Amino acid sequence: MRLSTVVVSLALAASGCAAVPHTVPGDAEITRAVEKSVGRHPDLGPPNEIYVKTLNHVVYLSGTADTGLQRDTAASLAMQTTGVARVVNDISVSH
């Protein structure tokens, strides 16, 4: 294979990668993902009541948690979710 062919092939491959659109999840998808993530975390289950709402990629957490650590864990899980720009943590601590 000639060098010019390799260079052209690499250029085409690189431009093809750049043309792939990157999709950002919508608010409903973000809410479902955060709820799923929180649901997989056993210490955030009952008696905790954590509610998730997303508006313009900002996640709003509300409800109650037994400890401050649980409150912070829920916020951390939300912030790690793809598409989340910011987390507003209004979870109150019951103890």
PDB file of N, CA and C in Angstrom:
ATOM      1  N   MET A   1       0.846  -1.173   0.000  1.00  0.00           N
ATOM      2  CA  MET A   1       0.000   0.000   0.000  1.00  0.00           C
ATOM      3  C   MET A   1       0.893   1.238   0.000  1.00  0.00           C
ATOM      4  N   ARG A   2       0.564   2.168  -0.817  1.00  0.00           N
ATOM      5  CA  ARG A   2       1.364   3.386  -0.928  1.00  0.00           C
ATOM      6  C   ARG A   2       1.072   4.323   0.230  1.00  0.00           C
ATOM      7  N   LEU A   3       2.033   5.148   0.585  1.00  0.00           N
ATOM      8  CA  LEU A   3       1.904   6.085   1.700  1.00  0.00           C
ATOM      9  C   LEU A   3       0.731   7.035   1.498  1.00  0.00           C
ATOM     10  N   SER A   4       0.526   7.516   0.273  1.00  0.00           N
ATOM     11  CA  SER A   4      -0.574   8.458   0.022  1.00  0.00           C
ATOM     12  C   SER A   4      -1.925   7.791   0.258  1.00  0.00           C
ATOM     13  N   THR A   5      -2.036   6.511  -0.073  1.00  0.00           N
ATOM     14  CA  THR A   5      -3.271   5.774   0.165  1.00  0.00           C
ATOM     15  C   THR A   5      -3.529   5.629   1.659  1.00  0.00           C
ATOM     16  N   VAL A   6      -2.486   5.366   2.427  1.00  0.00           N
ATOM     17  CA  VAL A   6      -2.621   5.226   3.870  1.00  0.00           C
ATOM     18  C   VAL A   6      -3.062   6.551   4.490  1.00  0.00           C
ATOM     19  N   VAL A   7      -2.444   7.642   4.051  1.00  0.00           N
ATOM     20  CA  VAL A   7      -2.781   8.960   4.591  1.00  0.00           C
ATOM     21  C   VAL A   7      -4.234   9.298   4.293  1.00  0.00           C
ATOM     22  N   VAL A   8      -4.682   9.067   3.072  1.00  0.00           N
ATOM     23  CA  VAL A   8      -6.073   9.346   2.700  1.00  0.00           C
ATOM     24  C   VAL A   8      -7.024   8.461   3.502  1.00  0.00           C
ATOM     25  N   SER A   9      -6.688   7.202   3.667  1.00  0.00           N
ATOM     26  CA  SER A   9      -7.532   6.283   4.430  1.00  0.00           C
ATOM     27  C   SER A   9      -7.660   6.737   5.875  1.00  0.00           C
ATOM     28  N   LEU A  10      -6.556   7.141   6.478  1.00  0.00           N
ATOM     29  CA  LEU A  10      -6.590   7.621   7.859  1.00  0.00           C
ATOM     30  C   LEU A  10      -7.401   8.905   7.984  1.00  0.00           C
ATOM     31  N   ALA A  11      -7.270   9.797   7.014  1.00  0.00           N
ATOM     32  CA  ALA A  11      -8.033  11.050   7.039  1.00  0.00           C
ATOM     33  C   ALA A  11      -9.519  10.783   6.943  1.00  0.00           C
ATOM     34  N   LEU A  12      -9.906   9.868   6.074  1.00  0.00           N
ATOM     35  CA  LEU A  12     -11.322   9.525   5.936  1.00  0.00           C
ATOM     36  C   LEU A  12     -11.862   8.865   7.192  1.00  0.00           C
ATOM     37  N   ALA A  13     -11.083   7.992   7.792  1.00  0.00           N
ATOM     38  CA  ALA A  13     -11.510   7.327   9.023  1.00  0.00           C
ATOM     39  C   ALA A  13     -11.686   8.338  10.144  1.00  0.00           C
ATOM     40  N   ALA A  14     -10.757   9.274  10.256  1.00  0.00           N
ATOM     41  CA  ALA A  14     -10.837  10.286  11.308  1.00  0.00           C
ATOM     42  C   ALA A  14     -12.038  11.193  11.101  1.00  0.00           C
ATOM     43  N   SER A  15     -12.308  11.583   9.871  1.00  0.00           N
ATOM     44  CA  SER A  15     -13.449  12.464   9.623  1.00  0.00           C
ATOM     45  C   SER A  15     -14.758  11.732   9.853  1.00  0.00           C
ATOM     46  N   GLY A  16     -14.784  10.443   9.615  1.00  0.00           N
ATOM     47  CA  GLY A  16     -15.985   9.655   9.870  1.00  0.00           C
ATOM     48  C   GLY A  16     -16.299   9.582  11.341  1.00  0.00           C
ATOM     49  N   CYS A  17     -15.280   9.514  12.170  1.00  0.00           N
ATOM     50  CA  CYS A  17     -15.489   9.472  13.620  1.00  0.00           C
ATOM     51  C   CYS A  17     -16.055  10.786  14.112  1.00  0.00           C
ATOM     52  N   ALA A  18     -15.582  11.878  13.546  1.00  0.00           N
ATOM     53  CA  ALA A  18     -16.038  13.191  13.987  1.00  0.00           C
ATOM     54  C   ALA A  18     -17.482  13.442  13.567  1.00  0.00           C
ATOM     55  N   ALA A  19     -17.945  12.774  12.525  1.00  0.00           N
ATOM     56  CA  ALA A  19     -19.285  13.009  12.020  1.00  0.00           C
ATOM     57  C   ALA A  19     -20.354  12.255  12.805  1.00  0.00           C
ATOM     58  N   VAL A  20     -19.954  11.353  13.679  1.00  0.00           N
ATOM     59  CA  VAL A  20     -20.926  10.597  14.464  1.00  0.00           C
ATOM     60  C   VAL A  20     -21.551  11.522  15.497  1.00  0.00           C
ATOM     61  N   PRO A  21     -22.870  11.721  15.465  1.00  0.00           N
ATOM     62  CA  PRO A  21     -23.496  12.642  16.409  1.00  0.00           C
ATOM     63  C   PRO A  21     -23.479  12.084  17.831  1.00  0.00           C
ATOM     64  N   HIS A  22     -23.224  12.962  18.773  1.00  0.00           N
ATOM     65  CA  HIS A  22     -23.241  12.587  20.184  1.00  0.00           C
ATOM     66  C   HIS A  22     -24.591  12.997  20.755  1.00  0.00           C
ATOM     67  N   THR A  23     -25.353  12.046  21.197  1.00  0.00           N
ATOM     68  CA  THR A  23     -26.682  12.358  21.704  1.00  0.00           C
ATOM     69  C   THR A  23     -26.641  12.551  23.204  1.00  0.00           C
ATOM     70  N   VAL A  24     -27.302  13.588  23.652  1.00  0.00           N
ATOM     71  CA  VAL A  24     -27.416  13.876  25.068  1.00  0.00           C
ATOM     72  C   VAL A  24     -28.816  13.439  25.490  1.00  0.00           C
ATOM     73  N   PRO A  25     -28.916  12.674  26.587  1.00  0.00           N
ATOM     74  CA  PRO A  25     -30.239  12.223  27.003  1.00  0.00           C
ATOM     75  C   PRO A  25     -31.138  13.394  27.391  1.00  0.00           C
ATOM     76  N   GLY A  26     -32.425  13.217  27.160  1.00  0.00           N
ATOM     77  CA  GLY A  26     -33.404  14.226  27.549  1.00  0.00           C
ATOM     78  C   GLY A  26     -33.728  14.124  29.034  1.00  0.00           C
ATOM     79  N   ASP A  27     -34.523  15.054  29.507  1.00  0.00           N
ATOM     80  CA  ASP A  27     -34.861  15.111  30.933  1.00  0.00           C
ATOM     81  C   ASP A  27     -35.532  13.837  31.442  1.00  0.00           C
ATOM     82  N   ALA A  28     -36.460  13.287  30.669  1.00  0.00           N
ATOM     83  CA  ALA A  28     -37.147  12.066  31.105  1.00  0.00           C
ATOM     84  C   ALA A  28     -36.171  10.895  31.219  1.00  0.00           C
ATOM     85  N   GLU A  29     -35.250  10.799  30.265  1.00  0.00           N
ATOM     86  CA  GLU A  29     -34.241   9.737  30.311  1.00  0.00           C
ATOM     87  C   GLU A  29     -33.313   9.916  31.508  1.00  0.00           C
ATOM     88  N   ILE A  30     -32.941  11.146  31.783  1.00  0.00           N
ATOM     89  CA  ILE A  30     -32.078  11.415  32.931  1.00  0.00           C
ATOM     90  C   ILE A  30     -32.785  11.028  34.214  1.00  0.00           C
ATOM     91  N   THR A  31     -34.057  11.410  34.346  1.00  0.00           N
ATOM     92  CA  THR A  31     -34.828  11.061  35.550  1.00  0.00           C
ATOM     93  C   THR A  31     -34.857   9.555  35.741  1.00  0.00           C
ATOM     94  N   ARG A  32     -35.158   8.825  34.675  1.00  0.00           N
ATOM     95  CA  ARG A  32     -35.206   7.350  34.783  1.00  0.00           C
ATOM     96  C   ARG A  32     -33.849   6.784  35.174  1.00  0.00           C
ATOM     97  N   ALA A  33     -32.778   7.315  34.604  1.00  0.00           N
ATOM     98  CA  ALA A  33     -31.434   6.812  34.909  1.00  0.00           C
ATOM     99  C   ALA A  33     -31.058   7.081  36.365  1.00  0.00           C
ATOM    100  N   VAL A  34     -31.388   8.262  36.866  1.00  0.00           N
ATOM    101  CA  VAL A  34     -31.085   8.580  38.265  1.00  0.00           C
ATOM    102  C   VAL A  34     -31.917   7.701  39.189  1.00  0.00           C
ATOM    103  N   GLU A  35     -33.201   7.543  38.895  1.00  0.00           N
ATOM    104  CA  GLU A  35     -34.058   6.676  39.717  1.00  0.00           C
ATOM    105  C   GLU A  35     -33.521   5.245  39.737  1.00  0.00           C
ATOM    106  N   LYS A  36     -33.080   4.770  38.597  1.00  0.00           N
ATOM    107  CA  LYS A  36     -32.522   3.418  38.508  1.00  0.00           C
ATOM    108  C   LYS A  36     -31.246   3.306  39.341  1.00  0.00           C
ATOM    109  N   SER A  37     -30.387   4.295  39.235  1.00  0.00           N
ATOM    110  CA  SER A  37     -29.130   4.296  39.984  1.00  0.00           C
ATOM    111  C   SER A  37     -29.384   4.326  41.487  1.00  0.00           C
ATOM    112  N   VAL A  38     -30.292   5.177  41.915  1.00  0.00           N
ATOM    113  CA  VAL A  38     -30.643   5.264  43.338  1.00  0.00           C
ATOM    114  C   VAL A  38     -31.283   3.954  43.787  1.00  0.00           C
ATOM    115  N   GLY A  39     -32.122   3.371  42.948  1.00  0.00           N
ATOM    116  CA  GLY A  39     -32.784   2.112  43.284  1.00  0.00           C
ATOM    117  C   GLY A  39     -31.835   0.940  43.443  1.00  0.00           C
ATOM    118  N   ARG A  40     -30.689   1.001  42.764  1.00  0.00           N
ATOM    119  CA  ARG A  40     -29.692  -0.074  42.871  1.00  0.00           C
ATOM    120  C   ARG A  40     -28.818   0.074  44.112  1.00  0.00           C
ATOM    121  N   HIS A  41     -28.960   1.162  44.811  1.00  0.00           N
ATOM    122  CA  HIS A  41     -28.129   1.426  45.982  1.00  0.00           C
ATOM    123  C   HIS A  41     -28.921   1.018  47.228  1.00  0.00           C
ATOM    124  N   PRO A  42     -28.616  -0.145  47.833  1.00  0.00           N
ATOM    125  CA  PRO A  42     -29.455  -0.717  48.900  1.00  0.00           C
ATOM    126  C   PRO A  42     -29.689   0.205  50.094  1.00  0.00           C
ATOM    127  N   ASP A  43     -28.704   0.983  50.490  1.00  0.00           N
ATOM    128  CA  ASP A  43     -28.916   1.797  51.685  1.00  0.00           C
ATOM    129  C   ASP A  43     -29.791   3.028  51.415  1.00  0.00           C
ATOM    130  N   LEU A  44     -30.182   3.246  50.165  1.00  0.00           N
ATOM    131  CA  LEU A  44     -31.085   4.351  49.853  1.00  0.00           C
ATOM    132  C   LEU A  44     -32.538   3.897  49.738  1.00  0.00           C
ATOM    133  N   GLY A  45     -32.766   2.611  49.994  1.00  0.00           N
ATOM    134  CA  GLY A  45     -34.122   2.071  49.937  1.00  0.00           C
ATOM    135  C   GLY A  45     -34.930   2.470  51.158  1.00  0.00           C
ATOM    136  N   PRO A  46     -36.121   1.883  51.309  1.00  0.00           N
ATOM    137  CA  PRO A  46     -36.969   2.206  52.456  1.00  0.00           C
ATOM    138  C   PRO A  46     -36.211   2.047  53.767  1.00  0.00           C
ATOM    139  N   PRO A  47     -36.445   2.897  54.711  1.00  0.00           N
ATOM    140  CA  PRO A  47     -37.531   3.883  54.830  1.00  0.00           C
ATOM    141  C   PRO A  47     -37.257   5.212  54.132  1.00  0.00           C
ATOM    142  N   ASN A  48     -36.158   5.330  53.407  1.00  0.00           N
ATOM    143  CA  ASN A  48     -35.889   6.566  52.669  1.00  0.00           C
ATOM    144  C   ASN A  48     -36.919   6.745  51.565  1.00  0.00           C
ATOM    145  N   GLU A  49     -37.246   7.978  51.278  1.00  0.00           N
ATOM    146  CA  GLU A  49     -38.147   8.305  50.173  1.00  0.00           C
ATOM    147  C   GLU A  49     -37.477   9.386  49.346  1.00  0.00           C
ATOM    148  N   ILE A  50     -36.911   9.002  48.230  1.00  0.00           N
ATOM    149  CA  ILE A  50     -36.178   9.941  47.393  1.00  0.00           C
ATOM    150  C   ILE A  50     -36.904  10.096  46.063  1.00  0.00           C
ATOM    151  N   TYR A  51     -37.194  11.340  45.724  1.00  0.00           N
ATOM    152  CA  TYR A  51     -37.913  11.656  44.494  1.00  0.00           C
ATOM    153  C   TYR A  51     -36.980  12.419  43.557  1.00  0.00           C
ATOM    154  N   VAL A  52     -37.122  12.143  42.265  1.00  0.00           N
ATOM    155  CA  VAL A  52     -36.243  12.732  41.252  1.00  0.00           C
ATOM    156  C   VAL A  52     -37.085  13.448  40.206  1.00  0.00           C
ATOM    157  N   LYS A  53     -36.673  14.671  39.886  1.00  0.00           N
ATOM    158  CA  LYS A  53     -37.295  15.419  38.793  1.00  0.00           C
ATOM    159  C   LYS A  53     -36.165  16.111  38.044  1.00  0.00           C
ATOM    160  N   THR A  54     -36.271  16.167  36.712  1.00  0.00           N
ATOM    161  CA  THR A  54     -35.237  16.798  35.902  1.00  0.00           C
ATOM    162  C   THR A  54     -35.868  17.860  35.019  1.00  0.00           C
ATOM    163  N   LEU A  55     -35.234  19.023  34.986  1.00  0.00           N
ATOM    164  CA  LEU A  55     -35.689  20.119  34.147  1.00  0.00           C
ATOM    165  C   LEU A  55     -34.462  20.790  33.538  1.00  0.00           C
ATOM    166  N   ASN A  56     -34.372  20.771  32.216  1.00  0.00           N
ATOM    167  CA  ASN A  56     -33.231  21.358  31.492  1.00  0.00           C
ATOM    168  C   ASN A  56     -31.895  20.798  31.983  1.00  0.00           C
ATOM    169  N   HIS A  57     -31.843  19.489  32.184  1.00  0.00           N
ATOM    170  CA  HIS A  57     -30.641  18.760  32.590  1.00  0.00           C
ATOM    171  C   HIS A  57     -30.195  19.056  34.018  1.00  0.00           C
ATOM    172  N   VAL A  58     -31.049  19.715  34.789  1.00  0.00           N
ATOM    173  CA  VAL A  58     -30.792  19.933  36.212  1.00  0.00           C
ATOM    174  C   VAL A  58     -31.674  18.954  36.975  1.00  0.00           C
ATOM    175  N   VAL A  59     -31.041  18.124  37.822  1.00  0.00           N
ATOM    176  CA  VAL A  59     -31.767  17.116  38.591  1.00  0.00           C
ATOM    177  C   VAL A  59     -32.132  17.707  39.951  1.00  0.00           C
ATOM    178  N   TYR A  60     -33.408  17.598  40.300  1.00  0.00           N
ATOM    179  CA  TYR A  60     -33.904  18.062  41.591  1.00  0.00           C
ATOM    180  C   TYR A  60     -34.244  16.832  42.426  1.00  0.00           C
ATOM    181  N   LEU A  61     -33.575  16.695  43.555  1.00  0.00           N
ATOM    182  CA  LEU A  61     -33.831  15.585  44.471  1.00  0.00           C
ATOM    183  C   LEU A  61     -34.621  16.116  45.653  1.00  0.00           C
ATOM    184  N   SER A  62     -35.637  15.356  46.063  1.00  0.00           N
ATOM    185  CA  SER A  62     -36.419  15.738  47.236  1.00  0.00           C
ATOM    186  C   SER A  62     -36.803  14.477  47.987  1.00  0.00           C
ATOM    187  N   GLY A  63     -37.431  14.654  49.132  1.00  0.00           N
ATOM    188  CA  GLY A  63     -37.839  13.525  49.957  1.00  0.00           C
ATOM    189  C   GLY A  63     -37.061  13.498  51.253  1.00  0.00           C
ATOM    190  N   THR A  64     -36.927  12.297  51.811  1.00  0.00           N
ATOM    191  CA  THR A  64     -36.221  12.152  53.086  1.00  0.00           C
ATOM    192  C   THR A  64     -35.231  10.996  53.026  1.00  0.00           C
ATOM    193  N   ALA A  65     -34.182  11.146  53.834  1.00  0.00           N
ATOM    194  CA  ALA A  65     -33.182  10.090  54.002  1.00  0.00           C
ATOM    195  C   ALA A  65     -32.892   9.990  55.491  1.00  0.00           C
ATOM    196  N   ASP A  66     -32.447   8.824  55.919  1.00  0.00           N
ATOM    197  CA  ASP A  66     -32.156   8.618  57.338  1.00  0.00           C
ATOM    198  C   ASP A  66     -30.909   9.367  57.796  1.00  0.00           C
ATOM    199  N   THR A  67     -29.923   9.496  56.909  1.00  0.00           N
ATOM    200  CA  THR A  67     -28.655  10.110  57.315  1.00  0.00           C
ATOM    201  C   THR A  67     -28.176  11.111  56.262  1.00  0.00           C
ATOM    202  N   GLY A  68     -27.283  11.972  56.689  1.00  0.00           N
ATOM    203  CA  GLY A  68     -26.667  12.909  55.765  1.00  0.00           C
ATOM    204  C   GLY A  68     -25.843  12.201  54.714  1.00  0.00           C
ATOM    205  N   LEU A  69     -25.217  11.084  55.086  1.00  0.00           N
ATOM    206  CA  LEU A  69     -24.429  10.313  54.126  1.00  0.00           C
ATOM    207  C   LEU A  69     -25.324   9.787  53.002  1.00  0.00           C
ATOM    208  N   GLN A  70     -26.506   9.305  53.348  1.00  0.00           N
ATOM    209  CA  GLN A  70     -27.438   8.817  52.333  1.00  0.00           C
ATOM    210  C   GLN A  70     -27.889   9.967  51.425  1.00  0.00           C
ATOM    211  N   ARG A  71     -28.137  11.120  51.998  1.00  0.00           N
ATOM    212  CA  ARG A  71     -28.511  12.315  51.234  1.00  0.00           C
ATOM    213  C   ARG A  71     -27.400  12.652  50.236  1.00  0.00           C
ATOM    214  N   ASP A  72     -26.158  12.656  50.715  1.00  0.00           N
ATOM    215  CA  ASP A  72     -25.019  12.984  49.857  1.00  0.00           C
ATOM    216  C   ASP A  72     -24.777  11.915  48.788  1.00  0.00           C
ATOM    217  N   THR A  73     -25.001  10.653  49.154  1.00  0.00           N
ATOM    218  CA  THR A  73     -24.832   9.560  48.194  1.00  0.00           C
ATOM    219  C   THR A  73     -25.817   9.694  47.040  1.00  0.00           C
ATOM    220  N   ALA A  74     -27.061  10.036  47.345  1.00  0.00           N
ATOM    221  CA  ALA A  74     -28.068  10.216  46.292  1.00  0.00           C
ATOM    222  C   ALA A  74     -27.648  11.337  45.345  1.00  0.00           C
ATOM    223  N   ALA A  75     -27.139  12.431  45.886  1.00  0.00           N
ATOM    224  CA  ALA A  75     -26.690  13.547  45.048  1.00  0.00           C
ATOM    225  C   ALA A  75     -25.496  13.145  44.192  1.00  0.00           C
ATOM    226  N   SER A  76     -24.577  12.392  44.770  1.00  0.00           N
ATOM    227  CA  SER A  76     -23.404  11.941  44.031  1.00  0.00           C
ATOM    228  C   SER A  76     -23.796  11.019  42.881  1.00  0.00           C
ATOM    229  N   LEU A  77     -24.710  10.102  43.136  1.00  0.00           N
ATOM    230  CA  LEU A  77     -25.177   9.196  42.085  1.00  0.00           C
ATOM    231  C   LEU A  77     -25.846   9.985  40.962  1.00  0.00           C
ATOM    232  N   ALA A  78     -26.631  10.986  41.327  1.00  0.00           N
ATOM    233  CA  ALA A  78     -27.299  11.804  40.316  1.00  0.00           C
ATOM    234  C   ALA A  78     -26.276  12.556  39.470  1.00  0.00           C
ATOM    235  N   MET A  79     -25.270  13.121  40.099  1.00  0.00           N
ATOM    236  CA  MET A  79     -24.275  13.909  39.385  1.00  0.00           C
ATOM    237  C   MET A  79     -23.453  13.055  38.424  1.00  0.00           C
ATOM    238  N   GLN A  80     -23.306  11.771  38.724  1.00  0.00           N
ATOM    239  CA  GLN A  80     -22.540  10.863  37.873  1.00  0.00           C
ATOM    240  C   GLN A  80     -23.328  10.395  36.651  1.00  0.00           C
ATOM    241  N   THR A  81     -24.594  10.730  36.579  1.00  0.00           N
ATOM    242  CA  THR A  81     -25.459  10.281  35.493  1.00  0.00           C
ATOM    243  C   THR A  81     -25.196  11.107  34.229  1.00  0.00           C
ATOM    244  N   THR A  82     -25.103  10.439  33.111  1.00  0.00           N
ATOM    245  CA  THR A  82     -24.856  11.098  31.833  1.00  0.00           C
ATOM    246  C   THR A  82     -25.948  12.120  31.539  1.00  0.00           C
ATOM    247  N   GLY A  83     -25.514  13.318  31.148  1.00  0.00           N
ATOM    248  CA  GLY A  83     -26.449  14.368  30.765  1.00  0.00           C
ATOM    249  C   GLY A  83     -26.805  15.336  31.871  1.00  0.00           C
ATOM    250  N   VAL A  84     -26.396  15.050  33.101  1.00  0.00           N
ATOM    251  CA  VAL A  84     -26.738  15.913  34.232  1.00  0.00           C
ATOM    252  C   VAL A  84     -25.773  17.096  34.273  1.00  0.00           C
ATOM    253  N   ALA A  85     -26.341  18.307  34.275  1.00  0.00           N
ATOM    254  CA  ALA A  85     -25.528  19.518  34.343  1.00  0.00           C
ATOM    255  C   ALA A  85     -25.306  19.950  35.789  1.00  0.00           C
ATOM    256  N   ARG A  86     -26.322  19.726  36.628  1.00  0.00           N
ATOM    257  CA  ARG A  86     -26.254  20.181  38.016  1.00  0.00           C
ATOM    258  C   ARG A  86     -27.272  19.407  38.831  1.00  0.00           C
ATOM    259  N   VAL A  87     -27.037  19.311  40.136  1.00  0.00           N
ATOM    260  CA  VAL A  87     -27.970  18.632  41.042  1.00  0.00           C
ATOM    261  C   VAL A  87     -28.375  19.611  42.135  1.00  0.00           C
ATOM    262  N   VAL A  88     -29.677  19.731  42.353  1.00  0.00           N
ATOM    263  CA  VAL A  88     -30.216  20.517  43.460  1.00  0.00           C
ATOM    264  C   VAL A  88     -30.740  19.503  44.475  1.00  0.00           C
ATOM    265  N   ASN A  89     -30.079  19.432  45.624  1.00  0.00           N
ATOM    266  CA  ASN A  89     -30.388  18.404  46.619  1.00  0.00           C
ATOM    267  C   ASN A  89     -31.242  18.993  47.742  1.00  0.00           C
ATOM    268  N   ASP A  90     -32.537  18.721  47.685  1.00  0.00           N
ATOM    269  CA  ASP A  90     -33.475  19.176  48.715  1.00  0.00           C
ATOM    270  C   ASP A  90     -33.952  18.014  49.582  1.00  0.00           C
ATOM    271  N   ILE A  91     -33.160  16.949  49.647  1.00  0.00           N
ATOM    272  CA  ILE A  91     -33.515  15.803  50.489  1.00  0.00           C
ATOM    273  C   ILE A  91     -33.287  16.204  51.934  1.00  0.00           C
ATOM    274  N   SER A  92     -34.306  16.001  52.773  1.00  0.00           N
ATOM    275  CA  SER A  92     -34.143  16.304  54.196  1.00  0.00           C
ATOM    276  C   SER A  92     -33.714  15.045  54.931  1.00  0.00           C
ATOM    277  N   VAL A  93     -33.004  15.247  56.020  1.00  0.00           N
ATOM    278  CA  VAL A  93     -32.515  14.140  56.838  1.00  0.00           C
ATOM    279  C   VAL A  93     -33.450  13.977  58.009  1.00  0.00           C
ATOM    280  N   SER A  94     -33.956  12.760  58.197  1.00  0.00           N
ATOM    281  CA  SER A  94     -34.964  12.522  59.232  1.00  0.00           C
ATOM    282  C   SER A  94     -34.361  12.342  60.630  1.00  0.00           C
ATOM    283  N   HIS A  95     -33.076  12.058  60.728  1.00  0.00           N
ATOM    284  CA  HIS A  95     -32.468  11.872  62.057  1.00  0.00           C
ATOM    285  C   HIS A  95     -31.336  12.839  62.258  1.00  0.00           C
TER     286      HIS A  95
END
